[in-house]
């Protein structure tokens, strides 16, 4: 039995919801037609260099469809793999889902929450697309429904954020996360491993850096070189600046990473998967996320280790 209350060797997202709701809670992605200040000219027009949102949206997601229709199709889509979940979470995923006036946000979120079986929301956004008015609204909402604000942090290093044209600093992420949690709102973070210019030791160091933040959950993706992105051009011109992990290398890396990670942080996923049509990386694994988790947990058992084994509160 580990600090998170079960015998899995990491603080899993599935385990968190089983403890909270007594069973699986399935996340349903939504494309609500948002844009991003990094695309509409407020900061830039080209977006982050790694971003091609079509590569990460499930097939049922489209801003041409109503939120209700996307939820209906999402439930049918997931029925093929997951039977009888205890409920669903509407995941506002595509682009920056707080980048609109509060009146529009309230309308969109309410449409999702009114759908039968939806127990709460996960709202993906950028740390520079939040303000006090929105946080006060989220505070009220979080007192009634499950709610997580998921911030795209991507890297703890400002030189990396500048190179990938992120348009904000790591300090901005820290500020947004702290302001959110101070109001009692759950926060999540998204991190990418293998961004240009970062070596493995620097990536491992991020476990200590992120562990200092008041995060509820975290999501890890390995960098995949995606078709029709600026990072594909960067990789073609500067391949030596990138660490593209082989499968076994990545599993070993993630074991070392989670050993240093605060055990109170729930891990949503350890890797990502893009459709083969979009993924032009020279290194491909060909595994689904659940298969990756199986390999990861086998490795944790082999090494008799677990999340937070080497975590120190004073890091």
C-alpha atoms as a PDB file:
ATOM      1  CA  UNK A   1       0.000   0.000   0.000  1.00  0.00           C
ATOM      2  CA  UNK A   2       1.543   3.281  -1.157  1.00  0.00           C
ATOM      3  CA  UNK A   3       0.764   6.836   0.034  1.00  0.00           C
ATOM      4  CA  UNK A   4      -2.012   7.206  -2.566  1.00  0.00           C
ATOM      5  CA  UNK A   5      -3.930   4.291  -1.046  1.00  0.00           C
ATOM      6  CA  UNK A   6      -3.466   1.319  -3.386  1.00  0.00           C
ATOM      7  CA  UNK A   7      -0.757  -1.114  -4.469  1.00  0.00           C
ATOM      8  CA  UNK A   8       0.079   0.393  -7.863  1.00  0.00           C
ATOM      9  CA  UNK A   9       3.596   1.777  -7.846  1.00  0.00           C
ATOM     10  CA  UNK A  10       2.584   5.213  -9.052  1.00  0.00           C
ATOM     11  CA  UNK A  11      -0.238   7.598  -8.203  1.00  0.00           C
ATOM     12  CA  UNK A  12      -2.467   6.795 -11.172  1.00  0.00           C
ATOM     13  CA  UNK A  13      -5.311   8.842 -12.611  1.00  0.00           C
ATOM     14  CA  UNK A  14      -7.528   5.767 -12.798  1.00  0.00           C
ATOM     15  CA  UNK A  15      -6.794   4.950  -9.163  1.00  0.00           C
ATOM     16  CA  UNK A  16      -7.610   8.516  -8.129  1.00  0.00           C
ATOM     17  CA  UNK A  17     -11.073   8.360  -9.700  1.00  0.00           C
ATOM     18  CA  UNK A  18     -11.778   4.868  -8.431  1.00  0.00           C
ATOM     19  CA  UNK A  19     -11.125   6.142  -4.932  1.00  0.00           C
ATOM     20  CA  UNK A  20     -13.277   9.247  -5.502  1.00  0.00           C
ATOM     21  CA  UNK A  21     -16.180   7.747  -7.479  1.00  0.00           C
ATOM     22  CA  UNK A  22     -15.873   3.995  -6.935  1.00  0.00           C
ATOM     23  CA  UNK A  23     -15.042   3.190 -10.553  1.00  0.00           C
ATOM     24  CA  UNK A  24     -13.675   4.379 -13.857  1.00  0.00           C
ATOM     25  CA  UNK A  25     -14.424   7.916 -15.012  1.00  0.00           C
ATOM     26  CA  UNK A  26     -13.928   8.351 -18.757  1.00  0.00           C
ATOM     27  CA  UNK A  27     -12.686  11.601 -20.222  1.00  0.00           C
ATOM     28  CA  UNK A  28     -14.428  12.845 -23.384  1.00  0.00           C
ATOM     29  CA  UNK A  29     -12.532  15.359 -25.508  1.00  0.00           C
ATOM     30  CA  UNK A  30     -14.271  18.451 -26.871  1.00  0.00           C
ATOM     31  CA  UNK A  31     -13.247  20.922 -29.559  1.00  0.00           C
ATOM     32  CA  UNK A  32     -15.274  24.027 -28.713  1.00  0.00           C
ATOM     33  CA  UNK A  33     -13.808  26.181 -31.479  1.00  0.00           C
ATOM     34  CA  UNK A  34     -11.322  28.170 -29.422  1.00  0.00           C
ATOM     35  CA  UNK A  35      -8.175  29.694 -30.810  1.00  0.00           C
ATOM     36  CA  UNK A  36      -5.003  30.803 -29.042  1.00  0.00           C
ATOM     37  CA  UNK A  37      -3.153  34.112 -28.506  1.00  0.00           C
ATOM     38  CA  UNK A  38      -0.187  32.437 -30.119  1.00  0.00           C
ATOM     39  CA  UNK A  39      -2.189  32.050 -33.327  1.00  0.00           C
ATOM     40  CA  UNK A  40      -4.534  35.046 -33.573  1.00  0.00           C
ATOM     41  CA  UNK A  41      -1.799  37.691 -33.533  1.00  0.00           C
ATOM     42  CA  UNK A  42      -2.048  38.700 -29.871  1.00  0.00           C
ATOM     43  CA  UNK A  43       1.342  37.092 -29.291  1.00  0.00           C
ATOM     44  CA  UNK A  44       2.143  35.423 -32.609  1.00  0.00           C
ATOM     45  CA  UNK A  45       0.420  33.905 -35.625  1.00  0.00           C
ATOM     46  CA  UNK A  46       2.378  30.704 -36.103  1.00  0.00           C
ATOM     47  CA  UNK A  47       1.591  28.921 -32.832  1.00  0.00           C
ATOM     48  CA  UNK A  48       3.928  26.682 -30.861  1.00  0.00           C
ATOM     49  CA  UNK A  49       6.379  24.905 -33.130  1.00  0.00           C
ATOM     50  CA  UNK A  50       5.182  21.424 -32.088  1.00  0.00           C
ATOM     51  CA  UNK A  51       1.463  22.115 -32.542  1.00  0.00           C
ATOM     52  CA  UNK A  52      -0.799  20.513 -35.112  1.00  0.00           C
ATOM     53  CA  UNK A  53      -3.989  20.036 -33.131  1.00  0.00           C
ATOM     54  CA  UNK A  54      -5.478  17.685 -35.701  1.00  0.00           C
ATOM     55  CA  UNK A  55      -2.900  15.104 -34.623  1.00  0.00           C
ATOM     56  CA  UNK A  56      -4.235  14.959 -31.072  1.00  0.00           C
ATOM     57  CA  UNK A  57      -7.996  15.399 -31.459  1.00  0.00           C
ATOM     58  CA  UNK A  58      -9.992  12.134 -31.400  1.00  0.00           C
ATOM     59  CA  UNK A  59     -11.996  11.422 -34.531  1.00  0.00           C
ATOM     60  CA  UNK A  60     -15.289  12.452 -32.942  1.00  0.00           C
ATOM     61  CA  UNK A  61     -13.992  15.940 -32.054  1.00  0.00           C
ATOM     62  CA  UNK A  62     -14.833  18.806 -34.359  1.00  0.00           C
ATOM     63  CA  UNK A  63     -15.793  22.398 -33.736  1.00  0.00           C
ATOM     64  CA  UNK A  64     -18.391  21.953 -36.502  1.00  0.00           C
ATOM     65  CA  UNK A  65     -20.370  19.760 -34.097  1.00  0.00           C
ATOM     66  CA  UNK A  66     -22.230  20.894 -31.005  1.00  0.00           C
ATOM     67  CA  UNK A  67     -20.798  20.018 -27.616  1.00  0.00           C
ATOM     68  CA  UNK A  68     -23.766  17.681 -27.089  1.00  0.00           C
ATOM     69  CA  UNK A  69     -23.026  15.828 -30.338  1.00  0.00           C
ATOM     70  CA  UNK A  70     -19.335  15.469 -29.491  1.00  0.00           C
ATOM     71  CA  UNK A  71     -20.211  14.036 -26.078  1.00  0.00           C
ATOM     72  CA  UNK A  72     -22.712  11.595 -27.610  1.00  0.00           C
ATOM     73  CA  UNK A  73     -20.186  10.390 -30.173  1.00  0.00           C
ATOM     74  CA  UNK A  74     -17.412  10.304 -27.578  1.00  0.00           C
ATOM     75  CA  UNK A  75     -19.428   7.968 -25.373  1.00  0.00           C
ATOM     76  CA  UNK A  76     -20.087   5.654 -28.336  1.00  0.00           C
ATOM     77  CA  UNK A  77     -16.401   5.796 -29.308  1.00  0.00           C
ATOM     78  CA  UNK A  78     -15.207   4.740 -25.855  1.00  0.00           C
ATOM     79  CA  UNK A  79     -17.823   2.010 -25.416  1.00  0.00           C
ATOM     80  CA  UNK A  80     -15.685  -0.187 -27.657  1.00  0.00           C
ATOM     81  CA  UNK A  81     -12.931  -0.274 -25.006  1.00  0.00           C
ATOM     82  CA  UNK A  82     -14.477   0.643 -21.655  1.00  0.00           C
ATOM     83  CA  UNK A  83     -17.685  -0.842 -20.314  1.00  0.00           C
ATOM     84  CA  UNK A  84     -20.031   0.915 -17.895  1.00  0.00           C
ATOM     85  CA  UNK A  85     -17.915   3.774 -16.496  1.00  0.00           C
ATOM     86  CA  UNK A  86     -19.212   5.480 -13.376  1.00  0.00           C
ATOM     87  CA  UNK A  87     -19.397   8.772 -15.235  1.00  0.00           C
ATOM     88  CA  UNK A  88     -17.726  11.083 -17.720  1.00  0.00           C
ATOM     89  CA  UNK A  89     -15.605  14.206 -17.652  1.00  0.00           C
ATOM     90  CA  UNK A  90     -15.887  16.730 -20.468  1.00  0.00           C
ATOM     91  CA  UNK A  91     -12.350  17.625 -21.518  1.00  0.00           C
ATOM     92  CA  UNK A  92     -12.117  20.977 -23.279  1.00  0.00           C
ATOM     93  CA  UNK A  93      -8.908  20.106 -25.074  1.00  0.00           C
ATOM     94  CA  UNK A  94      -8.279  21.874 -28.363  1.00  0.00           C
ATOM     95  CA  UNK A  95      -6.248  25.099 -28.160  1.00  0.00           C
ATOM     96  CA  UNK A  96      -6.801  27.540 -25.246  1.00  0.00           C
ATOM     97  CA  UNK A  97     -10.160  26.861 -23.622  1.00  0.00           C
ATOM     98  CA  UNK A  98     -10.326  29.930 -21.397  1.00  0.00           C
ATOM     99  CA  UNK A  99      -9.491  32.329 -24.219  1.00  0.00           C
ATOM    100  CA  UNK A 100     -12.881  34.031 -24.515  1.00  0.00           C
ATOM    101  CA  UNK A 101     -15.152  36.363 -22.537  1.00  0.00           C
ATOM    102  CA  UNK A 102     -16.542  34.858 -19.364  1.00  0.00           C
ATOM    103  CA  UNK A 103     -20.121  34.877 -20.731  1.00  0.00           C
ATOM    104  CA  UNK A 104     -19.132  32.613 -23.624  1.00  0.00           C
ATOM    105  CA  UNK A 105     -17.161  30.312 -21.318  1.00  0.00           C
ATOM    106  CA  UNK A 106     -20.089  29.913 -18.945  1.00  0.00           C
ATOM    107  CA  UNK A 107     -22.403  28.991 -21.826  1.00  0.00           C
ATOM    108  CA  UNK A 108     -20.039  26.362 -23.250  1.00  0.00           C
ATOM    109  CA  UNK A 109     -19.219  24.774 -19.917  1.00  0.00           C
ATOM    110  CA  UNK A 110     -22.883  24.698 -18.919  1.00  0.00           C
ATOM    111  CA  UNK A 111     -23.821  22.883 -22.118  1.00  0.00           C
ATOM    112  CA  UNK A 112     -21.295  20.173 -21.240  1.00  0.00           C
ATOM    113  CA  UNK A 113     -22.300  19.925 -17.583  1.00  0.00           C
ATOM    114  CA  UNK A 114     -25.979  19.632 -18.493  1.00  0.00           C
ATOM    115  CA  UNK A 115     -25.328  16.452 -20.482  1.00  0.00           C
ATOM    116  CA  UNK A 116     -26.376  13.281 -18.581  1.00  0.00           C
ATOM    117  CA  UNK A 117     -23.510  11.479 -16.848  1.00  0.00           C
ATOM    118  CA  UNK A 118     -21.028  14.374 -16.934  1.00  0.00           C
ATOM    119  CA  UNK A 119     -19.538  14.689 -13.443  1.00  0.00           C
ATOM    120  CA  UNK A 120     -17.153  17.539 -14.168  1.00  0.00           C
ATOM    121  CA  UNK A 121     -14.755  19.347 -16.482  1.00  0.00           C
ATOM    122  CA  UNK A 122     -11.092  19.415 -17.365  1.00  0.00           C
ATOM    123  CA  UNK A 123     -10.224  22.678 -19.080  1.00  0.00           C
ATOM    124  CA  UNK A 124      -6.982  22.847 -21.034  1.00  0.00           C
ATOM    125  CA  UNK A 125      -5.465  26.297 -21.398  1.00  0.00           C
ATOM    126  CA  UNK A 126      -2.364  28.465 -21.297  1.00  0.00           C
ATOM    127  CA  UNK A 127      -1.140  30.294 -18.179  1.00  0.00           C
ATOM    128  CA  UNK A 128      -1.513  33.623 -19.964  1.00  0.00           C
ATOM    129  CA  UNK A 129      -5.205  32.981 -20.739  1.00  0.00           C
ATOM    130  CA  UNK A 130      -6.455  33.218 -17.179  1.00  0.00           C
ATOM    131  CA  UNK A 131      -7.438  36.181 -15.032  1.00  0.00           C
ATOM    132  CA  UNK A 132      -9.004  36.877 -11.660  1.00  0.00           C
ATOM    133  CA  UNK A 133     -12.575  37.083 -12.997  1.00  0.00           C
ATOM    134  CA  UNK A 134     -12.271  33.654 -14.582  1.00  0.00           C
ATOM    135  CA  UNK A 135     -10.609  32.201 -11.497  1.00  0.00           C
ATOM    136  CA  UNK A 136     -13.443  33.442  -9.290  1.00  0.00           C
ATOM    137  CA  UNK A 137     -15.931  31.771 -11.625  1.00  0.00           C
ATOM    138  CA  UNK A 138     -13.916  28.530 -11.554  1.00  0.00           C
ATOM    139  CA  UNK A 139     -13.816  28.682  -7.768  1.00  0.00           C
ATOM    140  CA  UNK A 140     -17.618  28.720  -7.627  1.00  0.00           C
ATOM    141  CA  UNK A 141     -17.860  25.962 -10.226  1.00  0.00           C
ATOM    142  CA  UNK A 142     -15.327  23.748  -8.429  1.00  0.00           C
ATOM    143  CA  UNK A 143     -17.450  23.853  -5.277  1.00  0.00           C
ATOM    144  CA  UNK A 144     -20.276  22.131  -7.182  1.00  0.00           C
ATOM    145  CA  UNK A 145     -18.560  19.912  -9.761  1.00  0.00           C
ATOM    146  CA  UNK A 146     -15.249  18.178 -10.338  1.00  0.00           C
ATOM    147  CA  UNK A 147     -12.984  20.693 -12.081  1.00  0.00           C
ATOM    148  CA  UNK A 148      -9.344  20.767 -13.122  1.00  0.00           C
ATOM    149  CA  UNK A 149      -7.627  23.615 -14.951  1.00  0.00           C
ATOM    150  CA  UNK A 150      -4.870  22.016 -17.014  1.00  0.00           C
ATOM    151  CA  UNK A 151      -2.022  24.338 -17.925  1.00  0.00           C
ATOM    152  CA  UNK A 152       0.314  23.757 -20.840  1.00  0.00           C
ATOM    153  CA  UNK A 153       3.681  24.228 -19.131  1.00  0.00           C
ATOM    154  CA  UNK A 154       5.660  22.115 -21.648  1.00  0.00           C
ATOM    155  CA  UNK A 155       9.110  22.911 -20.172  1.00  0.00           C
ATOM    156  CA  UNK A 156      10.660  24.411 -17.050  1.00  0.00           C
ATOM    157  CA  UNK A 157      13.372  26.122 -19.116  1.00  0.00           C
ATOM    158  CA  UNK A 158      12.791  29.534 -20.655  1.00  0.00           C
ATOM    159  CA  UNK A 159      15.323  29.023 -23.439  1.00  0.00           C
ATOM    160  CA  UNK A 160      13.281  26.013 -24.566  1.00  0.00           C
ATOM    161  CA  UNK A 161       9.995  27.901 -24.347  1.00  0.00           C
ATOM    162  CA  UNK A 162      11.477  30.653 -26.479  1.00  0.00           C
ATOM    163  CA  UNK A 163      12.758  28.212 -29.083  1.00  0.00           C
ATOM    164  CA  UNK A 164       9.391  26.476 -29.432  1.00  0.00           C
ATOM    165  CA  UNK A 165       7.650  29.864 -29.710  1.00  0.00           C
ATOM    166  CA  UNK A 166       5.555  29.219 -26.626  1.00  0.00           C
ATOM    167  CA  UNK A 167       4.974  32.906 -25.957  1.00  0.00           C
ATOM    168  CA  UNK A 168       5.201  32.786 -22.165  1.00  0.00           C
ATOM    169  CA  UNK A 169       7.817  32.017 -19.522  1.00  0.00           C
ATOM    170  CA  UNK A 170       8.015  29.215 -16.973  1.00  0.00           C
ATOM    171  CA  UNK A 171       7.510  31.855 -14.282  1.00  0.00           C
ATOM    172  CA  UNK A 172       4.137  32.670 -15.865  1.00  0.00           C
ATOM    173  CA  UNK A 173       3.129  29.030 -15.464  1.00  0.00           C
ATOM    174  CA  UNK A 174       4.160  29.039 -11.817  1.00  0.00           C
ATOM    175  CA  UNK A 175       2.160  32.220 -11.200  1.00  0.00           C
ATOM    176  CA  UNK A 176      -0.995  30.828 -12.834  1.00  0.00           C
ATOM    177  CA  UNK A 177      -0.761  27.481 -11.020  1.00  0.00           C
ATOM    178  CA  UNK A 178      -0.314  29.142  -7.630  1.00  0.00           C
ATOM    179  CA  UNK A 179      -3.162  31.618  -8.165  1.00  0.00           C
ATOM    180  CA  UNK A 180      -5.451  28.761  -9.202  1.00  0.00           C
ATOM    181  CA  UNK A 181      -4.664  26.486  -6.272  1.00  0.00           C
ATOM    182  CA  UNK A 182      -4.913  29.366  -3.788  1.00  0.00           C
ATOM    183  CA  UNK A 183      -8.630  29.464  -4.639  1.00  0.00           C
ATOM    184  CA  UNK A 184      -9.018  25.744  -4.012  1.00  0.00           C
ATOM    185  CA  UNK A 185      -9.195  24.816  -7.715  1.00  0.00           C
ATOM    186  CA  UNK A 186      -7.459  21.638  -8.867  1.00  0.00           C
ATOM    187  CA  UNK A 187      -4.586  22.220 -11.278  1.00  0.00           C
ATOM    188  CA  UNK A 188      -2.902  20.029 -13.846  1.00  0.00           C
ATOM    189  CA  UNK A 189       0.202  20.487 -15.965  1.00  0.00           C
ATOM    190  CA  UNK A 190       1.317  19.198 -19.353  1.00  0.00           C
ATOM    191  CA  UNK A 191       5.026  18.516 -19.968  1.00  0.00           C
ATOM    192  CA  UNK A 192       6.845  17.408 -23.133  1.00  0.00           C
ATOM    193  CA  UNK A 193      10.099  15.430 -22.959  1.00  0.00           C
ATOM    194  CA  UNK A 194      12.564  15.746 -25.829  1.00  0.00           C
ATOM    195  CA  UNK A 195      12.107  19.373 -26.797  1.00  0.00           C
ATOM    196  CA  UNK A 196      15.062  20.836 -28.727  1.00  0.00           C
ATOM    197  CA  UNK A 197      18.150  21.795 -26.760  1.00  0.00           C
ATOM    198  CA  UNK A 198      17.326  19.807 -23.616  1.00  0.00           C
ATOM    199  CA  UNK A 199      19.452  16.877 -22.503  1.00  0.00           C
ATOM    200  CA  UNK A 200      18.303  13.944 -20.390  1.00  0.00           C
ATOM    201  CA  UNK A 201      19.794  15.280 -17.162  1.00  0.00           C
ATOM    202  CA  UNK A 202      17.924  18.566 -17.610  1.00  0.00           C
ATOM    203  CA  UNK A 203      14.690  16.692 -18.218  1.00  0.00           C
ATOM    204  CA  UNK A 204      15.221  14.593 -15.080  1.00  0.00           C
ATOM    205  CA  UNK A 205      15.851  17.769 -13.099  1.00  0.00           C
ATOM    206  CA  UNK A 206      12.335  18.881 -13.978  1.00  0.00           C
ATOM    207  CA  UNK A 207      10.979  16.244 -11.575  1.00  0.00           C
ATOM    208  CA  UNK A 208      12.396  18.250  -8.670  1.00  0.00           C
ATOM    209  CA  UNK A 209      11.298  21.577 -10.146  1.00  0.00           C
ATOM    210  CA  UNK A 210       7.711  20.451 -10.799  1.00  0.00           C
ATOM    211  CA  UNK A 211       7.468  18.742  -7.411  1.00  0.00           C
ATOM    212  CA  UNK A 212       7.682  22.164  -5.776  1.00  0.00           C
ATOM    213  CA  UNK A 213       4.448  23.257  -7.454  1.00  0.00           C
ATOM    214  CA  UNK A 214       0.997  22.741  -5.890  1.00  0.00           C
ATOM    215  CA  UNK A 215      -0.151  20.448  -8.691  1.00  0.00           C
ATOM    216  CA  UNK A 216      -2.952  17.924  -8.390  1.00  0.00           C
ATOM    217  CA  UNK A 217      -2.084  16.032 -11.553  1.00  0.00           C
ATOM    218  CA  UNK A 218       0.383  15.961 -14.388  1.00  0.00           C
ATOM    219  CA  UNK A 219       0.515  14.626 -17.913  1.00  0.00           C
ATOM    220  CA  UNK A 220       3.734  13.619 -19.703  1.00  0.00           C
ATOM    221  CA  UNK A 221       4.268  13.266 -23.446  1.00  0.00           C
ATOM    222  CA  UNK A 222       7.356  12.321 -25.355  1.00  0.00           C
ATOM    223  CA  UNK A 223       8.064  14.650 -28.263  1.00  0.00           C
ATOM    224  CA  UNK A 224       6.738  13.313 -31.543  1.00  0.00           C
ATOM    225  CA  UNK A 225       7.689  15.028 -34.767  1.00  0.00           C
ATOM    226  CA  UNK A 226       4.339  15.875 -36.300  1.00  0.00           C
ATOM    227  CA  UNK A 227       3.635  16.539 -39.941  1.00  0.00           C
ATOM    228  CA  UNK A 228       3.163  20.175 -40.991  1.00  0.00           C
ATOM    229  CA  UNK A 229       4.754  21.741 -37.908  1.00  0.00           C
ATOM    230  CA  UNK A 230       7.647  24.158 -37.508  1.00  0.00           C
ATOM    231  CA  UNK A 231       9.399  21.695 -35.207  1.00  0.00           C
ATOM    232  CA  UNK A 232       9.570  19.221 -38.097  1.00  0.00           C
ATOM    233  CA  UNK A 233      11.644  21.784 -39.994  1.00  0.00           C
ATOM    234  CA  UNK A 234      13.764  22.460 -36.887  1.00  0.00           C
ATOM    235  CA  UNK A 235      14.433  18.740 -36.506  1.00  0.00           C
ATOM    236  CA  UNK A 236      15.363  18.335 -40.171  1.00  0.00           C
ATOM    237  CA  UNK A 237      17.880  21.178 -39.861  1.00  0.00           C
ATOM    238  CA  UNK A 238      19.184  20.455 -36.328  1.00  0.00           C
ATOM    239  CA  UNK A 239      18.687  16.755 -35.519  1.00  0.00           C
ATOM    240  CA  UNK A 240      21.505  16.723 -32.956  1.00  0.00           C
ATOM    241  CA  UNK A 241      19.559  19.196 -30.800  1.00  0.00           C
ATOM    242  CA  UNK A 242      16.831  16.610 -30.133  1.00  0.00           C
ATOM    243  CA  UNK A 243      16.538  13.596 -27.850  1.00  0.00           C
ATOM    244  CA  UNK A 244      14.046  11.214 -29.455  1.00  0.00           C
ATOM    245  CA  UNK A 245      13.714   8.325 -27.035  1.00  0.00           C
ATOM    246  CA  UNK A 246      13.686   4.699 -28.024  1.00  0.00           C
ATOM    247  CA  UNK A 247      10.989   2.686 -26.272  1.00  0.00           C
ATOM    248  CA  UNK A 248      13.183   1.014 -23.638  1.00  0.00           C
ATOM    249  CA  UNK A 249      15.163   4.215 -23.143  1.00  0.00           C
ATOM    250  CA  UNK A 250      11.972   6.145 -22.452  1.00  0.00           C
ATOM    251  CA  UNK A 251      10.630   3.572 -19.993  1.00  0.00           C
ATOM    252  CA  UNK A 252      13.927   3.712 -18.075  1.00  0.00           C
ATOM    253  CA  UNK A 253      13.825   7.520 -18.152  1.00  0.00           C
ATOM    254  CA  UNK A 254      10.267   7.653 -16.819  1.00  0.00           C
ATOM    255  CA  UNK A 255      11.132   5.275 -13.974  1.00  0.00           C
ATOM    256  CA  UNK A 256      13.980   7.559 -12.906  1.00  0.00           C
ATOM    257  CA  UNK A 257      11.748  10.603 -13.295  1.00  0.00           C
ATOM    258  CA  UNK A 258       8.843   9.372 -11.175  1.00  0.00           C
ATOM    259  CA  UNK A 259      11.221   8.181  -8.456  1.00  0.00           C
ATOM    260  CA  UNK A 260      11.960  11.875  -7.871  1.00  0.00           C
ATOM    261  CA  UNK A 261       8.402  13.127  -8.346  1.00  0.00           C
ATOM    262  CA  UNK A 262       6.225  14.261  -5.447  1.00  0.00           C
ATOM    263  CA  UNK A 263       3.999  11.245  -4.627  1.00  0.00           C
ATOM    264  CA  UNK A 264       1.005  13.539  -4.048  1.00  0.00           C
ATOM    265  CA  UNK A 265       0.853  14.428  -7.760  1.00  0.00           C
ATOM    266  CA  UNK A 266      -1.489  12.183  -9.747  1.00  0.00           C
ATOM    267  CA  UNK A 267       0.033  10.962 -13.028  1.00  0.00           C
ATOM    268  CA  UNK A 268      -2.505  11.074 -15.858  1.00  0.00           C
ATOM    269  CA  UNK A 269      -0.295   9.542 -18.520  1.00  0.00           C
ATOM    270  CA  UNK A 270       3.383   8.871 -19.149  1.00  0.00           C
ATOM    271  CA  UNK A 271       3.351   9.130 -22.948  1.00  0.00           C
ATOM    272  CA  UNK A 272       1.321  10.241 -25.936  1.00  0.00           C
ATOM    273  CA  UNK A 273       0.299   8.661 -29.204  1.00  0.00           C
ATOM    274  CA  UNK A 274      -0.301  10.487 -32.471  1.00  0.00           C
ATOM    275  CA  UNK A 275      -1.986   8.861 -35.487  1.00  0.00           C
ATOM    276  CA  UNK A 276       0.582   7.287 -37.852  1.00  0.00           C
ATOM    277  CA  UNK A 277      -0.487   9.632 -40.643  1.00  0.00           C
ATOM    278  CA  UNK A 278       0.725  12.641 -38.629  1.00  0.00           C
ATOM    279  CA  UNK A 279       3.712  11.117 -36.828  1.00  0.00           C
ATOM    280  CA  UNK A 280       6.839  11.513 -38.968  1.00  0.00           C
ATOM    281  CA  UNK A 281       9.290  10.859 -36.134  1.00  0.00           C
ATOM    282  CA  UNK A 282      12.181   8.573 -37.085  1.00  0.00           C
ATOM    283  CA  UNK A 283      11.516   6.734 -33.792  1.00  0.00           C
ATOM    284  CA  UNK A 284       8.069   5.158 -33.448  1.00  0.00           C
ATOM    285  CA  UNK A 285       6.924   2.761 -30.734  1.00  0.00           C
ATOM    286  CA  UNK A 286       3.667   1.411 -32.121  1.00  0.00           C
ATOM    287  CA  UNK A 287       2.123   0.994 -28.672  1.00  0.00           C
ATOM    288  CA  UNK A 288      -1.089   2.316 -27.186  1.00  0.00           C
ATOM    289  CA  UNK A 289      -1.014   4.216 -23.905  1.00  0.00           C
ATOM    290  CA  UNK A 290      -2.321   1.250 -21.898  1.00  0.00           C
ATOM    291  CA  UNK A 291       0.428  -0.951 -23.348  1.00  0.00           C
ATOM    292  CA  UNK A 292       3.002   1.676 -22.385  1.00  0.00           C
ATOM    293  CA  UNK A 293       1.661   1.742 -18.833  1.00  0.00           C
ATOM    294  CA  UNK A 294       1.977  -2.039 -18.611  1.00  0.00           C
ATOM    295  CA  UNK A 295       5.638  -1.894 -19.627  1.00  0.00           C
ATOM    296  CA  UNK A 296       6.222   0.988 -17.229  1.00  0.00           C
ATOM    297  CA  UNK A 297       4.714  -0.859 -14.281  1.00  0.00           C
ATOM    298  CA  UNK A 298       6.655  -4.040 -15.067  1.00  0.00           C
ATOM    299  CA  UNK A 299       9.851  -1.983 -14.998  1.00  0.00           C
ATOM    300  CA  UNK A 300       8.886  -0.405 -11.653  1.00  0.00           C
ATOM    301  CA  UNK A 301       8.393  -3.905 -10.230  1.00  0.00           C
ATOM    302  CA  UNK A 302      11.662  -5.187 -11.683  1.00  0.00           C
ATOM    303  CA  UNK A 303      13.536  -2.338 -10.040  1.00  0.00           C
ATOM    304  CA  UNK A 304      11.446  -2.517  -6.846  1.00  0.00           C
ATOM    305  CA  UNK A 305      10.815   1.209  -7.055  1.00  0.00           C
ATOM    306  CA  UNK A 306       7.852   3.616  -7.034  1.00  0.00           C
ATOM    307  CA  UNK A 307       6.789   7.225  -7.479  1.00  0.00           C
ATOM    308  CA  UNK A 308       8.458   9.447  -4.917  1.00  0.00           C
ATOM    309  CA  UNK A 309      10.992   6.880  -3.698  1.00  0.00           C
ATOM    310  CA  UNK A 310      13.703   9.531  -3.852  1.00  0.00           C
ATOM    311  CA  UNK A 311      11.480  12.576  -3.438  1.00  0.00           C
ATOM    312  CA  UNK A 312      12.643  14.994  -0.792  1.00  0.00           C
ATOM    313  CA  UNK A 313      10.333  17.736   0.444  1.00  0.00           C
ATOM    314  CA  UNK A 314      13.224  20.170   0.686  1.00  0.00           C
ATOM    315  CA  UNK A 315      14.416  19.688  -2.916  1.00  0.00           C
END
